[in-house]
């Protein structure tokens, strides 16, 4: 079974850094853990939550992050 939640980009903390090191600090909607995700990674393969395994990807059409969780970690 798969669950999907959306987090608005404006609700996350963005850290602008040089040389491709900009990242977002995202709070996982499933387990409330902090996910540190580089911007370049979110638009590509995404980032997994270190605690529950939920996958975060950027949804540019909605200006949000799509967080999906399956029964697998």
PDB file of N, CA and C in Angstrom:
ATOM      1  N   UNK A   1       0.834  -1.180   0.000  1.00  0.00           N
ATOM      2  CA  UNK A   1       0.000   0.000   0.000  1.00  0.00           C
ATOM      3  C   UNK A   1       0.879   1.244   0.000  1.00  0.00           C
ATOM      4  N   UNK A   2       0.498   2.213  -0.777  1.00  0.00           N
ATOM      5  CA  UNK A   2       1.285   3.428  -0.928  1.00  0.00           C
ATOM      6  C   UNK A   2       0.505   4.640  -0.426  1.00  0.00           C
ATOM      7  N   UNK A   3       1.188   5.539   0.260  1.00  0.00           N
ATOM      8  CA  UNK A   3       0.585   6.782   0.737  1.00  0.00           C
ATOM      9  C   UNK A   3       1.403   7.936   0.182  1.00  0.00           C
ATOM     10  N   UNK A   4       0.732   9.027  -0.183  1.00  0.00           N
ATOM     11  CA  UNK A   4       1.419  10.208  -0.702  1.00  0.00           C
ATOM     12  C   UNK A   4       0.894  11.453  -0.013  1.00  0.00           C
ATOM     13  N   UNK A   5       1.820  12.305   0.419  1.00  0.00           N
ATOM     14  CA  UNK A   5       1.485  13.599   1.014  1.00  0.00           C
ATOM     15  C   UNK A   5       2.293  14.666   0.304  1.00  0.00           C
ATOM     16  N   UNK A   6       1.801  15.896   0.354  1.00  0.00           N
ATOM     17  CA  UNK A   6       2.485  17.010  -0.291  1.00  0.00           C
ATOM     18  C   UNK A   6       2.851  18.065   0.743  1.00  0.00           C
ATOM     19  N   UNK A   7       4.054  18.625   0.596  1.00  0.00           N
ATOM     20  CA  UNK A   7       4.531  19.702   1.460  1.00  0.00           C
ATOM     21  C   UNK A   7       4.863  20.880   0.568  1.00  0.00           C
ATOM     22  N   UNK A   8       4.314  22.035   0.860  1.00  0.00           N
ATOM     23  CA  UNK A   8       4.614  23.237   0.084  1.00  0.00           C
ATOM     24  C   UNK A   8       6.084  23.608   0.262  1.00  0.00           C
ATOM     25  N   UNK A   9       6.724  24.022  -0.819  1.00  0.00           N
ATOM     26  CA  UNK A   9       8.135  24.409  -0.778  1.00  0.00           C
ATOM     27  C   UNK A   9       8.327  25.559   0.203  1.00  0.00           C
ATOM     28  N   UNK A  10       7.387  26.486   0.242  1.00  0.00           N
ATOM     29  CA  UNK A  10       7.520  27.656   1.125  1.00  0.00           C
ATOM     30  C   UNK A  10       7.467  27.275   2.609  1.00  0.00           C
ATOM     31  N   UNK A  11       7.001  26.066   2.937  1.00  0.00           N
ATOM     32  CA  UNK A  11       6.938  25.617   4.324  1.00  0.00           C
ATOM     33  C   UNK A  11       8.230  24.941   4.789  1.00  0.00           C
ATOM     34  N   UNK A  12       9.219  24.843   3.903  1.00  0.00           N
ATOM     35  CA  UNK A  12      10.496  24.210   4.226  1.00  0.00           C
ATOM     36  C   UNK A  12      11.590  25.274   4.289  1.00  0.00           C
ATOM     37  N   UNK A  13      12.652  24.959   4.987  1.00  0.00           N
ATOM     38  CA  UNK A  13      13.770  25.891   5.114  1.00  0.00           C
ATOM     39  C   UNK A  13      14.766  25.614   3.990  1.00  0.00           C
ATOM     40  N   UNK A  14      15.110  26.674   3.251  1.00  0.00           N
ATOM     41  CA  UNK A  14      16.040  26.564   2.130  1.00  0.00           C
ATOM     42  C   UNK A  14      17.353  27.233   2.501  1.00  0.00           C
ATOM     43  N   UNK A  15      18.460  26.557   2.250  1.00  0.00           N
ATOM     44  CA  UNK A  15      19.799  27.086   2.502  1.00  0.00           C
ATOM     45  C   UNK A  15      20.525  27.213   1.170  1.00  0.00           C
ATOM     46  N   UNK A  16      20.806  28.438   0.775  1.00  0.00           N
ATOM     47  CA  UNK A  16      21.487  28.696  -0.497  1.00  0.00           C
ATOM     48  C   UNK A  16      22.998  28.628  -0.279  1.00  0.00           C
ATOM     49  N   UNK A  17      23.659  27.755  -0.999  1.00  0.00           N
ATOM     50  CA  UNK A  17      25.109  27.577  -0.909  1.00  0.00           C
ATOM     51  C   UNK A  17      25.696  27.578  -2.315  1.00  0.00           C
ATOM     52  N   UNK A  18      26.966  27.817  -2.408  1.00  0.00           N
ATOM     53  CA  UNK A  18      27.647  27.840  -3.705  1.00  0.00           C
ATOM     54  C   UNK A  18      27.976  26.430  -4.188  1.00  0.00           C
ATOM     55  N   UNK A  19      28.239  26.320  -5.482  1.00  0.00           N
ATOM     56  CA  UNK A  19      28.742  25.091  -6.107  1.00  0.00           C
ATOM     57  C   UNK A  19      27.839  23.868  -5.937  1.00  0.00           C
ATOM     58  N   UNK A  20      26.535  24.048  -6.105  1.00  0.00           N
ATOM     59  CA  UNK A  20      25.612  22.916  -6.052  1.00  0.00           C
ATOM     60  C   UNK A  20      25.367  22.354  -4.680  1.00  0.00           C
ATOM     61  N   UNK A  21      25.645  23.094  -3.644  1.00  0.00           N
ATOM     62  CA  UNK A  21      25.465  22.608  -2.276  1.00  0.00           C
ATOM     63  C   UNK A  21      24.221  23.177  -1.587  1.00  0.00           C
ATOM     64  N   UNK A  22      23.337  23.838  -2.356  1.00  0.00           N
ATOM     65  CA  UNK A  22      22.093  24.346  -1.786  1.00  0.00           C
ATOM     66  C   UNK A  22      21.210  23.172  -1.390  1.00  0.00           C
ATOM     67  N   UNK A  23      20.517  23.311  -0.256  1.00  0.00           N
ATOM     68  CA  UNK A  23      19.690  22.203   0.216  1.00  0.00           C
ATOM     69  C   UNK A  23      18.452  22.698   0.945  1.00  0.00           C
ATOM     70  N   UNK A  24      17.498  21.783   1.105  1.00  0.00           N
ATOM     71  CA  UNK A  24      16.280  22.029   1.862  1.00  0.00           C
ATOM     72  C   UNK A  24      16.311  21.198   3.134  1.00  0.00           C
ATOM     73  N   UNK A  25      15.773  21.769   4.194  1.00  0.00           N
ATOM     74  CA  UNK A  25      15.547  21.034   5.432  1.00  0.00           C
ATOM     75  C   UNK A  25      14.041  20.776   5.468  1.00  0.00           C
ATOM     76  N   UNK A  26      13.654  19.518   5.294  1.00  0.00           N
ATOM     77  CA  UNK A  26      12.251  19.129   5.153  1.00  0.00           C
ATOM     78  C   UNK A  26      11.846  18.267   6.344  1.00  0.00           C
ATOM     79  N   UNK A  27      10.675  18.534   6.894  1.00  0.00           N
ATOM     80  CA  UNK A  27      10.154  17.719   7.986  1.00  0.00           C
ATOM     81  C   UNK A  27       9.280  16.621   7.389  1.00  0.00           C
ATOM     82  N   UNK A  28       9.623  15.371   7.645  1.00  0.00           N
ATOM     83  CA  UNK A  28       8.877  14.231   7.104  1.00  0.00           C
ATOM     84  C   UNK A  28       7.448  14.240   7.664  1.00  0.00           C
ATOM     85  N   UNK A  29       6.445  14.192   6.792  1.00  0.00           N
ATOM     86  CA  UNK A  29       5.055  14.206   7.271  1.00  0.00           C
ATOM     87  C   UNK A  29       4.600  12.882   7.899  1.00  0.00           C
ATOM     88  N   UNK A  30       5.404  11.837   7.750  1.00  0.00           N
ATOM     89  CA  UNK A  30       5.028  10.531   8.293  1.00  0.00           C
ATOM     90  C   UNK A  30       5.622  10.280   9.681  1.00  0.00           C
ATOM     91  N   UNK A  31       6.891  10.677   9.881  1.00  0.00           N
ATOM     92  CA  UNK A  31       7.542  10.377  11.167  1.00  0.00           C
ATOM     93  C   UNK A  31       8.136  11.611  11.849  1.00  0.00           C
ATOM     94  N   UNK A  32       8.000  12.789  11.241  1.00  0.00           N
ATOM     95  CA  UNK A  32       8.487  14.068  11.776  1.00  0.00           C
ATOM     96  C   UNK A  32      10.008  14.171  11.882  1.00  0.00           C
ATOM     97  N   UNK A  33      10.741  13.338  11.189  1.00  0.00           N
ATOM     98  CA  UNK A  33      12.206  13.430  11.149  1.00  0.00           C
ATOM     99  C   UNK A  33      12.622  14.555  10.211  1.00  0.00           C
ATOM    100  N   UNK A  34      13.823  15.056  10.381  1.00  0.00           N
ATOM    101  CA  UNK A  34      14.368  16.077   9.496  1.00  0.00           C
ATOM    102  C   UNK A  34      15.089  15.401   8.335  1.00  0.00           C
ATOM    103  N   UNK A  35      14.761  15.845   7.123  1.00  0.00           N
ATOM    104  CA  UNK A  35      15.391  15.322   5.919  1.00  0.00           C
ATOM    105  C   UNK A  35      16.204  16.447   5.304  1.00  0.00           C
ATOM    106  N   UNK A  36      17.495  16.242   5.142  1.00  0.00           N
ATOM    107  CA  UNK A  36      18.368  17.202   4.475  1.00  0.00           C
ATOM    108  C   UNK A  36      18.524  16.723   3.038  1.00  0.00           C
ATOM    109  N   UNK A  37      18.021  17.526   2.085  1.00  0.00           N
ATOM    110  CA  UNK A  37      18.016  17.100   0.683  1.00  0.00           C
ATOM    111  C   UNK A  37      18.605  18.192  -0.197  1.00  0.00           C
ATOM    112  N   UNK A  38      19.628  17.824  -0.972  1.00  0.00           N
ATOM    113  CA  UNK A  38      20.201  18.771  -1.920  1.00  0.00           C
ATOM    114  C   UNK A  38      19.202  19.058  -3.029  1.00  0.00           C
ATOM    115  N   UNK A  39      19.173  20.311  -3.467  1.00  0.00           N
ATOM    116  CA  UNK A  39      18.211  20.749  -4.475  1.00  0.00           C
ATOM    117  C   UNK A  39      18.340  19.955  -5.768  1.00  0.00           C
ATOM    118  N   UNK A  40      19.563  19.712  -6.229  1.00  0.00           N
ATOM    119  CA  UNK A  40      19.768  18.987  -7.489  1.00  0.00           C
ATOM    120  C   UNK A  40      19.251  17.556  -7.378  1.00  0.00           C
ATOM    121  N   UNK A  41      19.311  16.974  -6.210  1.00  0.00           N
ATOM    122  CA  UNK A  41      18.871  15.596  -6.021  1.00  0.00           C
ATOM    123  C   UNK A  41      17.348  15.473  -6.022  1.00  0.00           C
ATOM    124  N   UNK A  42      16.663  16.478  -5.487  1.00  0.00           N
ATOM    125  CA  UNK A  42      15.205  16.422  -5.395  1.00  0.00           C
ATOM    126  C   UNK A  42      14.532  16.413  -6.755  1.00  0.00           C
ATOM    127  N   UNK A  43      15.120  17.083  -7.719  1.00  0.00           N
ATOM    128  CA  UNK A  43      14.508  17.095  -9.050  1.00  0.00           C
ATOM    129  C   UNK A  43      14.896  15.867  -9.863  1.00  0.00           C
ATOM    130  N   UNK A  44      15.841  15.100  -9.382  1.00  0.00           N
ATOM    131  CA  UNK A  44      16.274  13.884 -10.079  1.00  0.00           C
ATOM    132  C   UNK A  44      15.738  12.639  -9.405  1.00  0.00           C
ATOM    133  N   UNK A  45      16.583  11.980  -8.634  1.00  0.00           N
ATOM    134  CA  UNK A  45      16.216  10.708  -8.014  1.00  0.00           C
ATOM    135  C   UNK A  45      15.480  10.863  -6.696  1.00  0.00           C
ATOM    136  N   UNK A  46      15.548  12.036  -6.074  1.00  0.00           N
ATOM    137  CA  UNK A  46      14.858  12.260  -4.809  1.00  0.00           C
ATOM    138  C   UNK A  46      15.738  11.912  -3.619  1.00  0.00           C
ATOM    139  N   UNK A  47      15.124  11.914  -2.454  1.00  0.00           N
ATOM    140  CA  UNK A  47      15.829  11.647  -1.195  1.00  0.00           C
ATOM    141  C   UNK A  47      14.915  10.838  -0.298  1.00  0.00           C
ATOM    142  N   UNK A  48      15.465   9.863   0.411  1.00  0.00           N
ATOM    143  CA  UNK A  48      14.678   9.050   1.333  1.00  0.00           C
ATOM    144  C   UNK A  48      14.840   9.552   2.759  1.00  0.00           C
ATOM    145  N   UNK A  49      13.760   9.457   3.517  1.00  0.00           N
ATOM    146  CA  UNK A  49      13.798   9.793   4.938  1.00  0.00           C
ATOM    147  C   UNK A  49      14.693   8.773   5.639  1.00  0.00           C
ATOM    148  N   UNK A  50      15.620   9.222   6.478  1.00  0.00           N
ATOM    149  CA  UNK A  50      16.526   8.276   7.142  1.00  0.00           C
ATOM    150  C   UNK A  50      15.833   7.357   8.146  1.00  0.00           C
ATOM    151  N   UNK A  51      14.664   7.744   8.637  1.00  0.00           N
ATOM    152  CA  UNK A  51      13.993   6.936   9.651  1.00  0.00           C
ATOM    153  C   UNK A  51      12.901   6.023   9.096  1.00  0.00           C
ATOM    154  N   UNK A  52      11.976   6.559   8.283  1.00  0.00           N
ATOM    155  CA  UNK A  52      10.851   5.730   7.828  1.00  0.00           C
ATOM    156  C   UNK A  52      10.957   5.302   6.367  1.00  0.00           C
ATOM    157  N   UNK A  53      11.903   5.870   5.623  1.00  0.00           N
ATOM    158  CA  UNK A  53      12.107   5.466   4.238  1.00  0.00           C
ATOM    159  C   UNK A  53      11.189   6.127   3.229  1.00  0.00           C
ATOM    160  N   UNK A  54      10.415   7.131   3.639  1.00  0.00           N
ATOM    161  CA  UNK A  54       9.549   7.847   2.694  1.00  0.00           C
ATOM    162  C   UNK A  54      10.420   8.568   1.672  1.00  0.00           C
ATOM    163  N   UNK A  55      10.001   8.570   0.411  1.00  0.00           N
ATOM    164  CA  UNK A  55      10.785   9.180  -0.655  1.00  0.00           C
ATOM    165  C   UNK A  55      10.253  10.569  -0.983  1.00  0.00           C
ATOM    166  N   UNK A  56      11.162  11.540  -1.028  1.00  0.00           N
ATOM    167  CA  UNK A  56      10.812  12.931  -1.312  1.00  0.00           C
ATOM    168  C   UNK A  56      11.314  13.299  -2.697  1.00  0.00           C
ATOM    169  N   UNK A  57      10.420  13.829  -3.536  1.00  0.00           N
ATOM    170  CA  UNK A  57      10.815  14.370  -4.834  1.00  0.00           C
ATOM    171  C   UNK A  57      10.147  15.729  -5.007  1.00  0.00           C
ATOM    172  N   UNK A  58      10.697  16.551  -5.883  1.00  0.00           N
ATOM    173  CA  UNK A  58      10.138  17.874  -6.120  1.00  0.00           C
ATOM    174  C   UNK A  58       9.053  17.791  -7.191  1.00  0.00           C
ATOM    175  N   UNK A  59       7.894  18.361  -6.902  1.00  0.00           N
ATOM    176  CA  UNK A  59       6.785  18.432  -7.848  1.00  0.00           C
ATOM    177  C   UNK A  59       6.686  19.886  -8.299  1.00  0.00           C
ATOM    178  N   UNK A  60       7.336  20.215  -9.410  1.00  0.00           N
ATOM    179  CA  UNK A  60       7.403  21.601  -9.865  1.00  0.00           C
ATOM    180  C   UNK A  60       6.041  22.155 -10.256  1.00  0.00           C
ATOM    181  N   UNK A  61       5.157  21.331 -10.746  1.00  0.00           N
ATOM    182  CA  UNK A  61       3.833  21.782 -11.144  1.00  0.00           C
ATOM    183  C   UNK A  61       3.006  22.309  -9.983  1.00  0.00           C
ATOM    184  N   UNK A  62       3.218  21.770  -8.802  1.00  0.00           N
ATOM    185  CA  UNK A  62       2.470  22.182  -7.611  1.00  0.00           C
ATOM    186  C   UNK A  62       3.289  23.073  -6.684  1.00  0.00           C
ATOM    187  N   UNK A  63       4.556  23.317  -7.006  1.00  0.00           N
ATOM    188  CA  UNK A  63       5.472  24.060  -6.133  1.00  0.00           C
ATOM    189  C   UNK A  63       5.494  23.409  -4.748  1.00  0.00           C
ATOM    190  N   UNK A  64       5.645  22.087  -4.769  1.00  0.00           N
ATOM    191  CA  UNK A  64       5.643  21.339  -3.520  1.00  0.00           C
ATOM    192  C   UNK A  64       6.558  20.121  -3.629  1.00  0.00           C
ATOM    193  N   UNK A  65       6.750  19.484  -2.486  1.00  0.00           N
ATOM    194  CA  UNK A  65       7.486  18.225  -2.445  1.00  0.00           C
ATOM    195  C   UNK A  65       6.466  17.107  -2.320  1.00  0.00           C
ATOM    196  N   UNK A  66       6.649  16.071  -3.122  1.00  0.00           N
ATOM    197  CA  UNK A  66       5.798  14.899  -3.044  1.00  0.00           C
ATOM    198  C   UNK A  66       6.514  13.885  -2.169  1.00  0.00           C
ATOM    199  N   UNK A  67       5.863  13.469  -1.083  1.00  0.00           N
ATOM    200  CA  UNK A  67       6.463  12.508  -0.154  1.00  0.00           C
ATOM    201  C   UNK A  67       5.629  11.239  -0.224  1.00  0.00           C
ATOM    202  N   UNK A  68       6.249  10.158  -0.677  1.00  0.00           N
ATOM    203  CA  UNK A  68       5.546   8.878  -0.856  1.00  0.00           C
ATOM    204  C   UNK A  68       6.131   7.832   0.067  1.00  0.00           C
ATOM    205  N   UNK A  69       5.250   7.061   0.658  1.00  0.00           N
ATOM    206  CA  UNK A  69       5.696   5.998   1.541  1.00  0.00           C
ATOM    207  C   UNK A  69       5.011   4.704   1.144  1.00  0.00           C
ATOM    208  N   UNK A  70       5.805   3.644   1.051  1.00  0.00           N
ATOM    209  CA  UNK A  70       5.264   2.321   0.793  1.00  0.00           C
ATOM    210  C   UNK A  70       5.531   1.465   2.026  1.00  0.00           C
ATOM    211  N   UNK A  71       5.063   0.251   2.006  1.00  0.00           N
ATOM    212  CA  UNK A  71       5.298  -0.643   3.162  1.00  0.00           C
ATOM    213  C   UNK A  71       6.761  -1.067   3.252  1.00  0.00           C
ATOM    214  N   UNK A  72       7.499  -0.942   2.133  1.00  0.00           N
ATOM    215  CA  UNK A  72       8.923  -1.278   2.135  1.00  0.00           C
ATOM    216  C   UNK A  72       9.732  -0.099   2.625  1.00  0.00           C
ATOM    217  N   UNK A  73      10.873  -0.354   3.276  1.00  0.00           N
ATOM    218  CA  UNK A  73      11.741   0.725   3.734  1.00  0.00           C
ATOM    219  C   UNK A  73      12.809   1.032   2.734  1.00  0.00           C
TER     220      UNK A  73
END
